[in-house]
Amino acid sequence: MTRRKRRYHYSMNVPLHKNYSLPAVYRHLKQRNLGVIHVKDKIENCKRRLVIGFKSSSHRDQYRQHLSEDYFHLFQIL
């Protein structure tokens, strides 16, 4: 599999608050050792969404256990 295809093979799509910057989100996820490969945002139905690509399905499950789906939706200082 090429790197580009692998980037979002194990991904999640979660809500994102408008004041978060992507480098801060990426840094925060890396500090928690969640196996993040790539982070990007997109607008869906006039709301900002965060797409997180993981190294494996176990890293994705680990994210679901430790952080809620609305973790980046409520604004707090990272």
C-alpha atoms as a PDB file:
ATOM      1  CA  MET A   1       0.000   0.000   0.000  1.00  0.00           C
ATOM      2  CA  THR A   2       1.332   3.447  -0.790  1.00  0.00           C
ATOM      3  CA  ARG A   3       1.821   6.001   1.914  1.00  0.00           C
ATOM      4  CA  ARG A   4      -1.014   8.172   0.633  1.00  0.00           C
ATOM      5  CA  LYS A   5      -3.518   5.326   0.747  1.00  0.00           C
ATOM      6  CA  ARG A   6      -2.339   4.259   4.195  1.00  0.00           C
ATOM      7  CA  ARG A   7      -2.769   7.762   5.578  1.00  0.00           C
ATOM      8  CA  TYR A   8      -6.531   7.410   6.074  1.00  0.00           C
ATOM      9  CA  HIS A   9      -6.927   3.615   6.050  1.00  0.00           C
ATOM     10  CA  TYR A  10      -7.710   3.703   9.783  1.00  0.00           C
ATOM     11  CA  SER A  11      -9.319   7.083  10.287  1.00  0.00           C
ATOM     12  CA  MET A  12     -11.883   8.887  12.399  1.00  0.00           C
ATOM     13  CA  ASN A  13     -14.026  11.891  11.618  1.00  0.00           C
ATOM     14  CA  VAL A  14     -14.804  13.946  14.761  1.00  0.00           C
ATOM     15  CA  PRO A  15     -16.162  17.481  15.400  1.00  0.00           C
ATOM     16  CA  LEU A  16     -13.574  20.258  15.779  1.00  0.00           C
ATOM     17  CA  HIS A  17     -13.943  23.665  17.460  1.00  0.00           C
ATOM     18  CA  LYS A  18     -13.232  26.648  15.217  1.00  0.00           C
ATOM     19  CA  ASN A  19     -10.428  28.019  17.444  1.00  0.00           C
ATOM     20  CA  TYR A  20      -8.185  24.940  17.358  1.00  0.00           C
ATOM     21  CA  SER A  21      -5.163  24.962  15.074  1.00  0.00           C
ATOM     22  CA  LEU A  22      -4.164  21.713  13.400  1.00  0.00           C
ATOM     23  CA  PRO A  23      -0.523  21.793  14.592  1.00  0.00           C
ATOM     24  CA  ALA A  24      -1.734  22.075  18.204  1.00  0.00           C
ATOM     25  CA  VAL A  25      -4.142  19.149  17.750  1.00  0.00           C
ATOM     26  CA  TYR A  26      -1.437  17.020  16.089  1.00  0.00           C
ATOM     27  CA  ARG A  27       1.075  17.822  18.857  1.00  0.00           C
ATOM     28  CA  HIS A  28      -1.500  16.971  21.538  1.00  0.00           C
ATOM     29  CA  LEU A  29      -2.276  13.592  19.951  1.00  0.00           C
ATOM     30  CA  LYS A  30       1.440  12.790  19.506  1.00  0.00           C
ATOM     31  CA  GLN A  31       2.088  13.522  23.203  1.00  0.00           C
ATOM     32  CA  ARG A  32      -0.546  10.932  24.112  1.00  0.00           C
ATOM     33  CA  ASN A  33       1.219   8.275  21.935  1.00  0.00           C
ATOM     34  CA  LEU A  34      -1.896   7.438  19.938  1.00  0.00           C
ATOM     35  CA  GLY A  35      -0.132   6.447  16.697  1.00  0.00           C
ATOM     36  CA  VAL A  36      -1.355   9.383  14.624  1.00  0.00           C
ATOM     37  CA  ILE A  37      -0.112   9.556  11.023  1.00  0.00           C
ATOM     38  CA  HIS A  38      -2.000  12.536   9.618  1.00  0.00           C
ATOM     39  CA  VAL A  39      -4.481  15.211  10.717  1.00  0.00           C
ATOM     40  CA  LYS A  40      -6.615  17.424   8.487  1.00  0.00           C
ATOM     41  CA  ASP A  41      -9.797  19.444   8.789  1.00  0.00           C
ATOM     42  CA  LYS A  42     -12.783  19.756   6.495  1.00  0.00           C
ATOM     43  CA  ILE A  43     -16.079  21.625   6.426  1.00  0.00           C
ATOM     44  CA  GLU A  44     -19.148  19.404   6.447  1.00  0.00           C
ATOM     45  CA  ASN A  45     -22.674  20.873   6.656  1.00  0.00           C
ATOM     46  CA  CYS A  46     -21.240  24.255   7.731  1.00  0.00           C
ATOM     47  CA  LYS A  47     -19.392  22.619  10.653  1.00  0.00           C
ATOM     48  CA  ARG A  48     -15.672  22.008  11.008  1.00  0.00           C
ATOM     49  CA  ARG A  49     -14.629  18.347  11.259  1.00  0.00           C
ATOM     50  CA  LEU A  50     -11.287  16.775  12.142  1.00  0.00           C
ATOM     51  CA  VAL A  51     -10.073  13.748  10.175  1.00  0.00           C
ATOM     52  CA  ILE A  52      -7.418  11.746  12.040  1.00  0.00           C
ATOM     53  CA  GLY A  53      -5.438   8.974  10.330  1.00  0.00           C
ATOM     54  CA  PHE A  54      -4.004   6.244  12.590  1.00  0.00           C
ATOM     55  CA  LYS A  55      -1.245   3.665  12.074  1.00  0.00           C
ATOM     56  CA  SER A  56      -3.486   0.720  12.927  1.00  0.00           C
ATOM     57  CA  SER A  57      -6.955  -0.177  14.118  1.00  0.00           C
ATOM     58  CA  SER A  58      -5.613  -0.770  17.633  1.00  0.00           C
ATOM     59  CA  HIS A  59      -4.433   2.863  17.791  1.00  0.00           C
ATOM     60  CA  ARG A  60      -7.876   3.995  16.632  1.00  0.00           C
ATOM     61  CA  ASP A  61      -9.526   1.881  19.349  1.00  0.00           C
ATOM     62  CA  GLN A  62      -7.099   3.304  21.903  1.00  0.00           C
ATOM     63  CA  TYR A  63      -8.222   6.834  20.902  1.00  0.00           C
ATOM     64  CA  ARG A  64     -11.864   5.833  21.382  1.00  0.00           C
ATOM     65  CA  GLN A  65     -11.094   4.487  24.867  1.00  0.00           C
ATOM     66  CA  HIS A  66      -9.070   7.465  26.125  1.00  0.00           C
ATOM     67  CA  LEU A  67     -10.754  10.441  24.431  1.00  0.00           C
ATOM     68  CA  SER A  68     -14.410  11.083  23.696  1.00  0.00           C
ATOM     69  CA  GLU A  69     -15.677  11.953  20.209  1.00  0.00           C
ATOM     70  CA  ASP A  70     -16.400  15.526  21.381  1.00  0.00           C
ATOM     71  CA  TYR A  71     -12.942  16.061  22.907  1.00  0.00           C
ATOM     72  CA  PHE A  72     -11.881  18.659  20.309  1.00  0.00           C
ATOM     73  CA  HIS A  73     -15.367  20.158  19.969  1.00  0.00           C
ATOM     74  CA  LEU A  74     -15.357  21.924  23.338  1.00  0.00           C
ATOM     75  CA  PHE A  75     -12.705  24.630  23.399  1.00  0.00           C
ATOM     76  CA  GLN A  76      -9.985  24.253  26.019  1.00  0.00           C
ATOM     77  CA  ILE A  77      -6.320  25.141  26.071  1.00  0.00           C
ATOM     78  CA  LEU A  78      -4.200  22.205  24.902  1.00  0.00           C
END
